[in-house]
Amino acid sequence: MLTQEHAKILQALEDGQFAKGVDESVRDINMDAFEELYRAKMLEAVDAGADDGCCYLNPKITNSGRQALADYREQKKSWWQKLKWWKKVPSMLVGIATIVGAIATVYAVVK
């Protein structure tokens, strides 16, 4: 399950913000969350860390990371944004009205 911090990191990777690398000097990233994503294989990177700290070169989001980010975005949508069928209601109403009109015409002709 992704947290907001995980999603922020994956979004930044998707946008290519950390193309050169990530280390503890990058202020707008939580390194613990980054390492969790790395261990979960939601991102790929070259672990260039040493005894003095963490450093990951060339980080990239993986397919599982993209899927997790998409699932996170879908989960955060409000209930009405998830309803995709509501856009089809006007055309369904036109179809129903056409059928009712045809039935009324047939009824009038037969009577």
PDB file of N, CA and C in Angstrom:
ATOM      1  N   MET A   1       0.841  -1.183   0.000  1.00  0.00           N
ATOM      2  CA  MET A   1       0.000   0.000   0.000  1.00  0.00           C
ATOM      3  C   MET A   1       0.887   1.247   0.000  1.00  0.00           C
ATOM      4  N   LEU A   2       0.672   2.100  -0.968  1.00  0.00           N
ATOM      5  CA  LEU A   2       1.467   3.317  -1.079  1.00  0.00           C
ATOM      6  C   LEU A   2       0.973   4.395  -0.128  1.00  0.00           C
ATOM      7  N   THR A   3       1.914   5.142   0.384  1.00  0.00           N
ATOM      8  CA  THR A   3       1.578   6.336   1.149  1.00  0.00           C
ATOM      9  C   THR A   3       1.707   7.538   0.226  1.00  0.00           C
ATOM     10  N   GLN A   4       1.322   8.680   0.727  1.00  0.00           N
ATOM     11  CA  GLN A   4       1.435   9.900  -0.070  1.00  0.00           C
ATOM     12  C   GLN A   4       2.912  10.183  -0.402  1.00  0.00           C
ATOM     13  N   GLU A   5       3.788   9.880   0.532  1.00  0.00           N
ATOM     14  CA  GLU A   5       5.225  10.098   0.317  1.00  0.00           C
ATOM     15  C   GLU A   5       5.761   9.179  -0.784  1.00  0.00           C
ATOM     16  N   HIS A   6       5.324   7.914  -0.775  1.00  0.00           N
ATOM     17  CA  HIS A   6       5.728   6.979  -1.835  1.00  0.00           C
ATOM     18  C   HIS A   6       5.237   7.486  -3.198  1.00  0.00           C
ATOM     19  N   ALA A   7       3.974   7.900  -3.240  1.00  0.00           N
ATOM     20  CA  ALA A   7       3.396   8.377  -4.500  1.00  0.00           C
ATOM     21  C   ALA A   7       4.133   9.617  -5.009  1.00  0.00           C
ATOM     22  N   LYS A   8       4.533  10.479  -4.098  1.00  0.00           N
ATOM     23  CA  LYS A   8       5.274  11.691  -4.477  1.00  0.00           C
ATOM     24  C   LYS A   8       6.609  11.317  -5.136  1.00  0.00           C
ATOM     25  N   ILE A   9       7.289  10.323  -4.575  1.00  0.00           N
ATOM     26  CA  ILE A   9       8.571   9.889  -5.130  1.00  0.00           C
ATOM     27  C   ILE A   9       8.369   9.241  -6.496  1.00  0.00           C
ATOM     28  N   LEU A  10       7.386   8.359  -6.605  1.00  0.00           N
ATOM     29  CA  LEU A  10       7.130   7.698  -7.890  1.00  0.00           C
ATOM     30  C   LEU A  10       6.728   8.701  -8.960  1.00  0.00           C
ATOM     31  N   GLN A  11       5.933   9.701  -8.582  1.00  0.00           N
ATOM     32  CA  GLN A  11       5.537  10.740  -9.536  1.00  0.00           C
ATOM     33  C   GLN A  11       6.757  11.534  -9.999  1.00  0.00           C
ATOM     34  N   ALA A  12       7.657  11.850  -9.070  1.00  0.00           N
ATOM     35  CA  ALA A  12       8.870  12.581  -9.431  1.00  0.00           C
ATOM     36  C   ALA A  12       9.739  11.759 -10.377  1.00  0.00           C
ATOM     37  N   LEU A  13       9.825  10.452 -10.125  1.00  0.00           N
ATOM     38  CA  LEU A  13      10.594   9.592 -11.025  1.00  0.00           C
ATOM     39  C   LEU A  13       9.937   9.501 -12.396  1.00  0.00           C
ATOM     40  N   GLU A  14       8.620   9.431 -12.408  1.00  0.00           N
ATOM     41  CA  GLU A  14       7.888   9.384 -13.678  1.00  0.00           C
ATOM     42  C   GLU A  14       8.123  10.659 -14.485  1.00  0.00           C
ATOM     43  N   ASP A  15       8.242  11.782 -13.775  1.00  0.00           N
ATOM     44  CA  ASP A  15       8.486  13.071 -14.431  1.00  0.00           C
ATOM     45  C   ASP A  15       9.965  13.292 -14.773  1.00  0.00           C
ATOM     46  N   GLY A  16      10.836  12.389 -14.321  1.00  0.00           N
ATOM     47  CA  GLY A  16      12.256  12.505 -14.618  1.00  0.00           C
ATOM     48  C   GLY A  16      12.995  13.515 -13.768  1.00  0.00           C
ATOM     49  N   GLN A  17      12.501  13.799 -12.584  1.00  0.00           N
ATOM     50  CA  GLN A  17      13.122  14.827 -11.741  1.00  0.00           C
ATOM     51  C   GLN A  17      14.446  14.387 -11.118  1.00  0.00           C
ATOM     52  N   PHE A  18      14.640  13.098 -10.910  1.00  0.00           N
ATOM     53  CA  PHE A  18      15.856  12.619 -10.257  1.00  0.00           C
ATOM     54  C   PHE A  18      16.727  11.833 -11.245  1.00  0.00           C
ATOM     55  N   ALA A  19      16.900  12.358 -12.425  1.00  0.00           N
ATOM     56  CA  ALA A  19      17.604  11.636 -13.484  1.00  0.00           C
ATOM     57  C   ALA A  19      19.054  11.331 -13.115  1.00  0.00           C
ATOM     58  N   LYS A  20      19.702  12.225 -12.402  1.00  0.00           N
ATOM     59  CA  LYS A  20      21.119  12.021 -12.083  1.00  0.00           C
ATOM     60  C   LYS A  20      21.314  11.114 -10.878  1.00  0.00           C
ATOM     61  N   GLY A  21      20.449  11.243  -9.898  1.00  0.00           N
ATOM     62  CA  GLY A  21      20.614  10.419  -8.712  1.00  0.00           C
ATOM     63  C   GLY A  21      19.923  11.021  -7.510  1.00  0.00           C
ATOM     64  N   VAL A  22      19.899  10.235  -6.446  1.00  0.00           N
ATOM     65  CA  VAL A  22      19.253  10.642  -5.203  1.00  0.00           C
ATOM     66  C   VAL A  22      20.190  10.300  -4.052  1.00  0.00           C
ATOM     67  N   ASP A  23      20.381  11.263  -3.174  1.00  0.00           N
ATOM     68  CA  ASP A  23      21.113  10.981  -1.938  1.00  0.00           C
ATOM     69  C   ASP A  23      20.487  11.780  -0.811  1.00  0.00           C
ATOM     70  N   GLU A  24      21.105  11.731   0.339  1.00  0.00           N
ATOM     71  CA  GLU A  24      20.524  12.373   1.517  1.00  0.00           C
ATOM     72  C   GLU A  24      20.516  13.898   1.436  1.00  0.00           C
ATOM     73  N   SER A  25      21.220  14.468   0.466  1.00  0.00           N
ATOM     74  CA  SER A  25      21.241  15.923   0.325  1.00  0.00           C
ATOM     75  C   SER A  25      20.003  16.459  -0.399  1.00  0.00           C
ATOM     76  N   VAL A  26      19.258  15.587  -1.063  1.00  0.00           N
ATOM     77  CA  VAL A  26      18.041  16.016  -1.755  1.00  0.00           C
ATOM     78  C   VAL A  26      16.981  16.297  -0.696  1.00  0.00           C
ATOM     79  N   ARG A  27      16.542  17.528  -0.610  1.00  0.00           N
ATOM     80  CA  ARG A  27      15.671  17.952   0.485  1.00  0.00           C
ATOM     81  C   ARG A  27      14.211  17.510   0.342  1.00  0.00           C
ATOM     82  N   ASP A  28      13.710  17.443  -0.868  1.00  0.00           N
ATOM     83  CA  ASP A  28      12.286  17.176  -1.046  1.00  0.00           C
ATOM     84  C   ASP A  28      11.985  15.692  -1.236  1.00  0.00           C
ATOM     85  N   ILE A  29      12.811  14.827  -0.639  1.00  0.00           N
ATOM     86  CA  ILE A  29      12.581  13.392  -0.751  1.00  0.00           C
ATOM     87  C   ILE A  29      12.844  12.720   0.601  1.00  0.00           C
ATOM     88  N   ASN A  30      12.003  11.796   0.937  1.00  0.00           N
ATOM     89  CA  ASN A  30      12.163  11.007   2.148  1.00  0.00           C
ATOM     90  C   ASN A  30      12.960   9.753   1.774  1.00  0.00           C
ATOM     91  N   MET A  31      14.203   9.684   2.240  1.00  0.00           N
ATOM     92  CA  MET A  31      15.077   8.571   1.852  1.00  0.00           C
ATOM     93  C   MET A  31      14.571   7.226   2.362  1.00  0.00           C
ATOM     94  N   ASP A  32      13.902   7.208   3.516  1.00  0.00           N
ATOM     95  CA  ASP A  32      13.341   5.945   4.018  1.00  0.00           C
ATOM     96  C   ASP A  32      12.276   5.420   3.061  1.00  0.00           C
ATOM     97  N   ALA A  33      11.410   6.317   2.597  1.00  0.00           N
ATOM     98  CA  ALA A  33      10.364   5.929   1.643  1.00  0.00           C
ATOM     99  C   ALA A  33      10.986   5.501   0.318  1.00  0.00           C
ATOM    100  N   PHE A  34      12.042   6.203  -0.117  1.00  0.00           N
ATOM    101  CA  PHE A  34      12.735   5.847  -1.350  1.00  0.00           C
ATOM    102  C   PHE A  34      13.307   4.436  -1.246  1.00  0.00           C
ATOM    103  N   GLU A  35      13.949   4.133  -0.128  1.00  0.00           N
ATOM    104  CA  GLU A  35      14.537   2.808   0.064  1.00  0.00           C
ATOM    105  C   GLU A  35      13.469   1.723   0.141  1.00  0.00           C
ATOM    106  N   GLU A  36      12.324   2.035   0.726  1.00  0.00           N
ATOM    107  CA  GLU A  36      11.220   1.072   0.751  1.00  0.00           C
ATOM    108  C   GLU A  36      10.766   0.738  -0.669  1.00  0.00           C
ATOM    109  N   LEU A  37      10.650   1.758  -1.512  1.00  0.00           N
ATOM    110  CA  LEU A  37      10.274   1.538  -2.914  1.00  0.00           C
ATOM    111  C   LEU A  37      11.349   0.745  -3.653  1.00  0.00           C
ATOM    112  N   TYR A  38      12.601   1.026  -3.335  1.00  0.00           N
ATOM    113  CA  TYR A  38      13.716   0.308  -3.962  1.00  0.00           C
ATOM    114  C   TYR A  38      13.676  -1.169  -3.582  1.00  0.00           C
ATOM    115  N   ARG A  39      13.468  -1.462  -2.296  1.00  0.00           N
ATOM    116  CA  ARG A  39      13.405  -2.855  -1.836  1.00  0.00           C
ATOM    117  C   ARG A  39      12.181  -3.576  -2.386  1.00  0.00           C
ATOM    118  N   ALA A  40      11.086  -2.834  -2.608  1.00  0.00           N
ATOM    119  CA  ALA A  40       9.862  -3.423  -3.155  1.00  0.00           C
ATOM    120  C   ALA A  40       9.913  -3.534  -4.679  1.00  0.00           C
ATOM    121  N   LYS A  41      11.036  -3.125  -5.278  1.00  0.00           N
ATOM    122  CA  LYS A  41      11.252  -3.181  -6.731  1.00  0.00           C
ATOM    123  C   LYS A  41      10.240  -2.345  -7.515  1.00  0.00           C
ATOM    124  N   MET A  42       9.803  -1.243  -6.909  1.00  0.00           N
ATOM    125  CA  MET A  42       8.941  -0.309  -7.623  1.00  0.00           C
ATOM    126  C   MET A  42       9.765   0.743  -8.346  1.00  0.00           C
ATOM    127  N   LEU A  43      11.064   0.743  -8.063  1.00  0.00           N
ATOM    128  CA  LEU A  43      11.991   1.586  -8.800  1.00  0.00           C
ATOM    129  C   LEU A  43      13.308   0.840  -8.922  1.00  0.00           C
ATOM    130  N   GLU A  44      14.056   1.208  -9.938  1.00  0.00           N
ATOM    131  CA  GLU A  44      15.388   0.647 -10.168  1.00  0.00           C
ATOM    132  C   GLU A  44      16.392   1.763  -9.967  1.00  0.00           C
ATOM    133  N   ALA A  45      17.543   1.415  -9.423  1.00  0.00           N
ATOM    134  CA  ALA A  45      18.624   2.385  -9.261  1.00  0.00           C
ATOM    135  C   ALA A  45      19.908   1.628  -8.977  1.00  0.00           C
ATOM    136  N   VAL A  46      21.019   2.310  -9.181  1.00  0.00           N
ATOM    137  CA  VAL A  46      22.317   1.752  -8.837  1.00  0.00           C
ATOM    138  C   VAL A  46      22.634   2.206  -7.422  1.00  0.00           C
ATOM    139  N   ASP A  47      22.780   1.253  -6.520  1.00  0.00           N
ATOM    140  CA  ASP A  47      23.073   1.565  -5.122  1.00  0.00           C
ATOM    141  C   ASP A  47      24.556   1.895  -5.012  1.00  0.00           C
ATOM    142  N   ALA A  48      24.856   3.173  -4.881  1.00  0.00           N
ATOM    143  CA  ALA A  48      26.235   3.632  -4.793  1.00  0.00           C
ATOM    144  C   ALA A  48      26.544   4.157  -3.404  1.00  0.00           C
ATOM    145  N   GLY A  49      25.783   3.699  -2.427  1.00  0.00           N
ATOM    146  CA  GLY A  49      25.975   4.161  -1.059  1.00  0.00           C
ATOM    147  C   GLY A  49      27.255   3.615  -0.450  1.00  0.00           C
ATOM    148  N   ALA A  50      27.755   4.355   0.492  1.00  0.00           N
ATOM    149  CA  ALA A  50      28.954   3.954   1.216  1.00  0.00           C
ATOM    150  C   ALA A  50      28.651   4.042   2.709  1.00  0.00           C
ATOM    151  N   ASP A  51      29.672   3.927   3.510  1.00  0.00           N
ATOM    152  CA  ASP A  51      29.480   3.977   4.961  1.00  0.00           C
ATOM    153  C   ASP A  51      28.962   5.323   5.440  1.00  0.00           C
ATOM    154  N   ASP A  52      29.186   6.373   4.666  1.00  0.00           N
ATOM    155  CA  ASP A  52      28.789   7.710   5.104  1.00  0.00           C
ATOM    156  C   ASP A  52      27.381   8.116   4.683  1.00  0.00           C
ATOM    157  N   GLY A  53      26.645   7.251   3.974  1.00  0.00           N
ATOM    158  CA  GLY A  53      25.271   7.596   3.629  1.00  0.00           C
ATOM    159  C   GLY A  53      24.758   6.850   2.415  1.00  0.00           C
ATOM    160  N   CYS A  54      23.518   7.137   2.100  1.00  0.00           N
ATOM    161  CA  CYS A  54      22.839   6.484   0.980  1.00  0.00           C
ATOM    162  C   CYS A  54      22.995   7.318  -0.282  1.00  0.00           C
ATOM    163  N   CYS A  55      23.161   6.623  -1.380  1.00  0.00           N
ATOM    164  CA  CYS A  55      23.227   7.290  -2.678  1.00  0.00           C
ATOM    165  C   CYS A  55      22.743   6.297  -3.731  1.00  0.00           C
ATOM    166  N   TYR A  56      21.789   6.735  -4.554  1.00  0.00           N
ATOM    167  CA  TYR A  56      21.257   5.899  -5.618  1.00  0.00           C
ATOM    168  C   TYR A  56      21.397   6.664  -6.929  1.00  0.00           C
ATOM    169  N   LEU A  57      22.051   6.030  -7.886  1.00  0.00           N
ATOM    170  CA  LEU A  57      22.283   6.665  -9.181  1.00  0.00           C
ATOM    171  C   LEU A  57      21.290   6.157 -10.213  1.00  0.00           C
ATOM    172  N   ASN A  58      20.933   7.044 -11.121  1.00  0.00           N
ATOM    173  CA  ASN A  58      20.075   6.712 -12.252  1.00  0.00           C
ATOM    174  C   ASN A  58      18.773   6.009 -11.847  1.00  0.00           C
ATOM    175  N   PRO A  59      18.020   6.581 -10.921  1.00  0.00           N
ATOM    176  CA  PRO A  59      16.776   5.922 -10.505  1.00  0.00           C
ATOM    177  C   PRO A  59      15.695   6.028 -11.576  1.00  0.00           C
ATOM    178  N   LYS A  60      14.963   4.922 -11.746  1.00  0.00           N
ATOM    179  CA  LYS A  60      13.873   4.879 -12.722  1.00  0.00           C
ATOM    180  C   LYS A  60      12.702   4.121 -12.127  1.00  0.00           C
ATOM    181  N   ILE A  61      11.506   4.534 -12.481  1.00  0.00           N
ATOM    182  CA  ILE A  61      10.305   3.839 -12.023  1.00  0.00           C
ATOM    183  C   ILE A  61      10.133   2.560 -12.852  1.00  0.00           C
ATOM    184  N   THR A  62       9.736   1.477 -12.201  1.00  0.00           N
ATOM    185  CA  THR A  62       9.514   0.202 -12.891  1.00  0.00           C
ATOM    186  C   THR A  62       8.036   0.073 -13.266  1.00  0.00           C
ATOM    187  N   ASN A  63       7.715  -0.976 -14.005  1.00  0.00           N
ATOM    188  CA  ASN A  63       6.314  -1.212 -14.370  1.00  0.00           C
ATOM    189  C   ASN A  63       5.448  -1.434 -13.136  1.00  0.00           C
ATOM    190  N   SER A  64       5.968  -2.161 -12.149  1.00  0.00           N
ATOM    191  CA  SER A  64       5.177  -2.366 -10.933  1.00  0.00           C
ATOM    192  C   SER A  64       4.997  -1.055 -10.176  1.00  0.00           C
ATOM    193  N   GLY A  65       5.985  -0.174 -10.254  1.00  0.00           N
ATOM    194  CA  GLY A  65       5.854   1.149  -9.643  1.00  0.00           C
ATOM    195  C   GLY A  65       4.804   1.991 -10.352  1.00  0.00           C
ATOM    196  N   ARG A  66       4.778   1.913 -11.676  1.00  0.00           N
ATOM    197  CA  ARG A  66       3.754   2.650 -12.453  1.00  0.00           C
ATOM    198  C   ARG A  66       2.351   2.146 -12.121  1.00  0.00           C
ATOM    199  N   GLN A  67       2.218   0.807 -12.000  1.00  0.00           N
ATOM    200  CA  GLN A  67       0.914   0.234 -11.675  1.00  0.00           C
ATOM    201  C   GLN A  67       0.484   0.639 -10.272  1.00  0.00           C
ATOM    202  N   ALA A  68       1.414   0.607  -9.330  1.00  0.00           N
ATOM    203  CA  ALA A  68       1.089   1.010  -7.957  1.00  0.00           C
ATOM    204  C   ALA A  68       0.682   2.483  -7.903  1.00  0.00           C
ATOM    205  N   LEU A  69       1.357   3.324  -8.682  1.00  0.00           N
ATOM    206  CA  LEU A  69       1.012   4.749  -8.728  1.00  0.00           C
ATOM    207  C   LEU A  69      -0.363   4.948  -9.354  1.00  0.00           C
ATOM    208  N   ALA A  70      -0.655   4.221 -10.408  1.00  0.00           N
ATOM    209  CA  ALA A  70      -1.982   4.316 -11.039  1.00  0.00           C
ATOM    210  C   ALA A  70      -3.069   3.851 -10.080  1.00  0.00           C
ATOM    211  N   ASP A  71      -2.818   2.765  -9.351  1.00  0.00           N
ATOM    212  CA  ASP A  71      -3.782   2.273  -8.361  1.00  0.00           C
ATOM    213  C   ASP A  71      -3.990   3.296  -7.251  1.00  0.00           C
ATOM    214  N   TYR A  72      -2.912   3.945  -6.828  1.00  0.00           N
ATOM    215  CA  TYR A  72      -2.994   4.970  -5.784  1.00  0.00           C
ATOM    216  C   TYR A  72      -3.844   6.146  -6.253  1.00  0.00           C
ATOM    217  N   ARG A  73      -3.610   6.578  -7.490  1.00  0.00           N
ATOM    218  CA  ARG A  73      -4.403   7.695  -8.032  1.00  0.00           C
ATOM    219  C   ARG A  73      -5.883   7.329  -8.129  1.00  0.00           C
ATOM    220  N   GLU A  74      -6.163   6.105  -8.561  1.00  0.00           N
ATOM    221  CA  GLU A  74      -7.556   5.653  -8.680  1.00  0.00           C
ATOM    222  C   GLU A  74      -8.218   5.599  -7.307  1.00  0.00           C
ATOM    223  N   GLN A  75      -7.472   5.151  -6.323  1.00  0.00           N
ATOM    224  CA  GLN A  75      -7.993   5.060  -4.957  1.00  0.00           C
ATOM    225  C   GLN A  75      -8.311   6.441  -4.394  1.00  0.00           C
ATOM    226  N   LYS A  76      -7.530   7.435  -4.762  1.00  0.00           N
ATOM    227  CA  LYS A  76      -7.714   8.789  -4.233  1.00  0.00           C
ATOM    228  C   LYS A  76      -8.826   9.566  -4.928  1.00  0.00           C
ATOM    229  N   LYS A  77      -9.352   9.045  -6.039  1.00  0.00           N
ATOM    230  CA  LYS A  77     -10.447   9.726  -6.721  1.00  0.00           C
ATOM    231  C   LYS A  77     -11.703   9.669  -5.861  1.00  0.00           C
ATOM    232  N   SER A  78     -12.520  10.711  -5.964  1.00  0.00           N
ATOM    233  CA  SER A  78     -13.795  10.697  -5.247  1.00  0.00           C
ATOM    234  C   SER A  78     -14.759   9.741  -5.953  1.00  0.00           C
ATOM    235  N   TRP A  79     -15.821   9.372  -5.281  1.00  0.00           N
ATOM    236  CA  TRP A  79     -16.732   8.349  -5.817  1.00  0.00           C
ATOM    237  C   TRP A  79     -17.346   8.763  -7.145  1.00  0.00           C
ATOM    238  N   TRP A  80     -17.630  10.058  -7.316  1.00  0.00           N
ATOM    239  CA  TRP A  80     -18.274  10.472  -8.556  1.00  0.00           C
ATOM    240  C   TRP A  80     -17.296  10.503  -9.721  1.00  0.00           C
ATOM    241  N   GLN A  81     -15.987  10.641  -9.426  1.00  0.00           N
ATOM    242  CA  GLN A  81     -14.995  10.592 -10.501  1.00  0.00           C
ATOM    243  C   GLN A  81     -14.805   9.160 -10.998  1.00  0.00           C
ATOM    244  N   LYS A  82     -15.100   8.192 -10.154  1.00  0.00           N
ATOM    245  CA  LYS A  82     -14.957   6.788 -10.531  1.00  0.00           C
ATOM    246  C   LYS A  82     -16.091   6.305 -11.422  1.00  0.00           C
ATOM    247  N   LEU A  83     -17.226   7.019 -11.412  1.00  0.00           N
ATOM    248  CA  LEU A  83     -18.366   6.612 -12.227  1.00  0.00           C
ATOM    249  C   LEU A  83     -18.131   7.022 -13.678  1.00  0.00           C
ATOM    250  N   LYS A  84     -17.847   6.062 -14.502  1.00  0.00           N
ATOM    251  CA  LYS A  84     -17.570   6.355 -15.908  1.00  0.00           C
ATOM    252  C   LYS A  84     -18.822   6.248 -16.760  1.00  0.00           C
ATOM    253  N   TRP A  85     -19.820   5.526 -16.273  1.00  0.00           N
ATOM    254  CA  TRP A  85     -21.018   5.298 -17.072  1.00  0.00           C
ATOM    255  C   TRP A  85     -21.920   6.520 -17.146  1.00  0.00           C
ATOM    256  N   TRP A  86     -21.777   7.494 -16.227  1.00  0.00           N
ATOM    257  CA  TRP A  86     -22.686   8.641 -16.215  1.00  0.00           C
ATOM    258  C   TRP A  86     -22.577   9.464 -17.488  1.00  0.00           C
ATOM    259  N   LYS A  87     -21.452   9.391 -18.171  1.00  0.00           N
ATOM    260  CA  LYS A  87     -21.276  10.139 -19.421  1.00  0.00           C
ATOM    261  C   LYS A  87     -22.135   9.562 -20.541  1.00  0.00           C
ATOM    262  N   LYS A  88     -22.583   8.311 -20.395  1.00  0.00           N
ATOM    263  CA  LYS A  88     -23.382   7.651 -21.418  1.00  0.00           C
ATOM    264  C   LYS A  88     -24.886   7.849 -21.202  1.00  0.00           C
ATOM    265  N   VAL A  89     -25.276   8.453 -20.090  1.00  0.00           N
ATOM    266  CA  VAL A  89     -26.698   8.608 -19.767  1.00  0.00           C
ATOM    267  C   VAL A  89     -27.463   9.380 -20.843  1.00  0.00           C
ATOM    268  N   PRO A  90     -26.982  10.513 -21.343  1.00  0.00           N
ATOM    269  CA  PRO A  90     -27.755  11.228 -22.375  1.00  0.00           C
ATOM    270  C   PRO A  90     -28.046  10.375 -23.612  1.00  0.00           C
ATOM    271  N   SER A  91     -27.066   9.627 -24.086  1.00  0.00           N
ATOM    272  CA  SER A  91     -27.311   8.797 -25.272  1.00  0.00           C
ATOM    273  C   SER A  91     -28.273   7.655 -24.944  1.00  0.00           C
ATOM    274  N   MET A  92     -28.245   7.133 -23.725  1.00  0.00           N
ATOM    275  CA  MET A  92     -29.190   6.089 -23.334  1.00  0.00           C
ATOM    276  C   MET A  92     -30.608   6.657 -23.288  1.00  0.00           C
ATOM    277  N   LEU A  93     -30.762   7.889 -22.809  1.00  0.00           N
ATOM    278  CA  LEU A  93     -32.083   8.514 -22.759  1.00  0.00           C
ATOM    279  C   LEU A  93     -32.644   8.746 -24.160  1.00  0.00           C
ATOM    280  N   VAL A  94     -31.790   9.126 -25.094  1.00  0.00           N
ATOM    281  CA  VAL A  94     -32.218   9.310 -26.476  1.00  0.00           C
ATOM    282  C   VAL A  94     -32.683   7.969 -27.048  1.00  0.00           C
ATOM    283  N   GLY A  95     -31.954   6.915 -26.763  1.00  0.00           N
ATOM    284  CA  GLY A  95     -32.340   5.588 -27.237  1.00  0.00           C
ATOM    285  C   GLY A  95     -33.683   5.149 -26.672  1.00  0.00           C
ATOM    286  N   ILE A  96     -33.880   5.384 -25.382  1.00  0.00           N
ATOM    287  CA  ILE A  96     -35.159   5.025 -24.750  1.00  0.00           C
ATOM    288  C   ILE A  96     -36.299   5.833 -25.352  1.00  0.00           C
ATOM    289  N   ALA A  97     -36.078   7.132 -25.554  1.00  0.00           N
ATOM    290  CA  ALA A  97     -37.112   7.979 -26.144  1.00  0.00           C
ATOM    291  C   ALA A  97     -37.456   7.519 -27.564  1.00  0.00           C
ATOM    292  N   THR A  98     -36.470   7.096 -28.310  1.00  0.00           N
ATOM    293  CA  THR A  98     -36.701   6.594 -29.672  1.00  0.00           C
ATOM    294  C   THR A  98     -37.553   5.328 -29.644  1.00  0.00           C
ATOM    295  N   ILE A  99     -37.242   4.428 -28.722  1.00  0.00           N
ATOM    296  CA  ILE A  99     -38.016   3.185 -28.604  1.00  0.00           C
ATOM    297  C   ILE A  99     -39.453   3.477 -28.190  1.00  0.00           C
ATOM    298  N   VAL A 100     -39.631   4.368 -27.225  1.00  0.00           N
ATOM    299  CA  VAL A 100     -40.985   4.732 -26.783  1.00  0.00           C
ATOM    300  C   VAL A 100     -41.762   5.371 -27.924  1.00  0.00           C
ATOM    301  N   GLY A 101     -41.099   6.225 -28.694  1.00  0.00           N
ATOM    302  CA  GLY A 101     -41.759   6.855 -29.842  1.00  0.00           C
ATOM    303  C   GLY A 101     -42.177   5.829 -30.898  1.00  0.00           C
ATOM    304  N   ALA A 102     -41.298   4.859 -31.153  1.00  0.00           N
ATOM    305  CA  ALA A 102     -41.630   3.817 -32.127  1.00  0.00           C
ATOM    306  C   ALA A 102     -42.807   2.987 -31.646  1.00  0.00           C
ATOM    307  N   ILE A 103     -42.826   2.634 -30.373  1.00  0.00           N
ATOM    308  CA  ILE A 103     -43.945   1.855 -29.819  1.00  0.00           C
ATOM    309  C   ILE A 103     -45.239   2.652 -29.910  1.00  0.00           C
ATOM    310  N   ALA A 104     -45.199   3.953 -29.615  1.00  0.00           N
ATOM    311  CA  ALA A 104     -46.391   4.793 -29.691  1.00  0.00           C
ATOM    312  C   ALA A 104     -46.893   4.888 -31.125  1.00  0.00           C
ATOM    313  N   THR A 105     -45.986   4.989 -32.086  1.00  0.00           N
ATOM    314  CA  THR A 105     -46.360   5.051 -33.489  1.00  0.00           C
ATOM    315  C   THR A 105     -47.031   3.747 -33.931  1.00  0.00           C
ATOM    316  N   VAL A 106     -46.465   2.622 -33.567  1.00  0.00           N
ATOM    317  CA  VAL A 106     -47.036   1.318 -33.917  1.00  0.00           C
ATOM    318  C   VAL A 106     -48.419   1.159 -33.271  1.00  0.00           C
ATOM    319  N   TYR A 107     -48.558   1.565 -32.037  1.00  0.00           N
ATOM    320  CA  TYR A 107     -49.826   1.469 -31.328  1.00  0.00           C
ATOM    321  C   TYR A 107     -50.902   2.318 -32.015  1.00  0.00           C
ATOM    322  N   ALA A 108     -50.493   3.541 -32.445  1.00  0.00           N
ATOM    323  CA  ALA A 108     -51.435   4.430 -33.103  1.00  0.00           C
ATOM    324  C   ALA A 108     -51.877   3.868 -34.469  1.00  0.00           C
ATOM    325  N   VAL A 109     -50.975   3.249 -35.197  1.00  0.00           N
ATOM    326  CA  VAL A 109     -51.292   2.689 -36.494  1.00  0.00           C
ATOM    327  C   VAL A 109     -52.199   1.470 -36.350  1.00  0.00           C
ATOM    328  N   VAL A 110     -51.921   0.635 -35.367  1.00  0.00           N
ATOM    329  CA  VAL A 110     -52.690  -0.596 -35.168  1.00  0.00           C
ATOM    330  C   VAL A 110     -54.097  -0.251 -34.654  1.00  0.00           C
ATOM    331  N   LYS A 111     -54.252   0.727 -33.869  1.00  0.00           N
ATOM    332  CA  LYS A 111     -55.541   1.096 -33.270  1.00  0.00           C
ATOM    333  C   LYS A 111     -56.393   1.744 -34.267  1.00  0.00           C
TER     334      LYS A 111
END
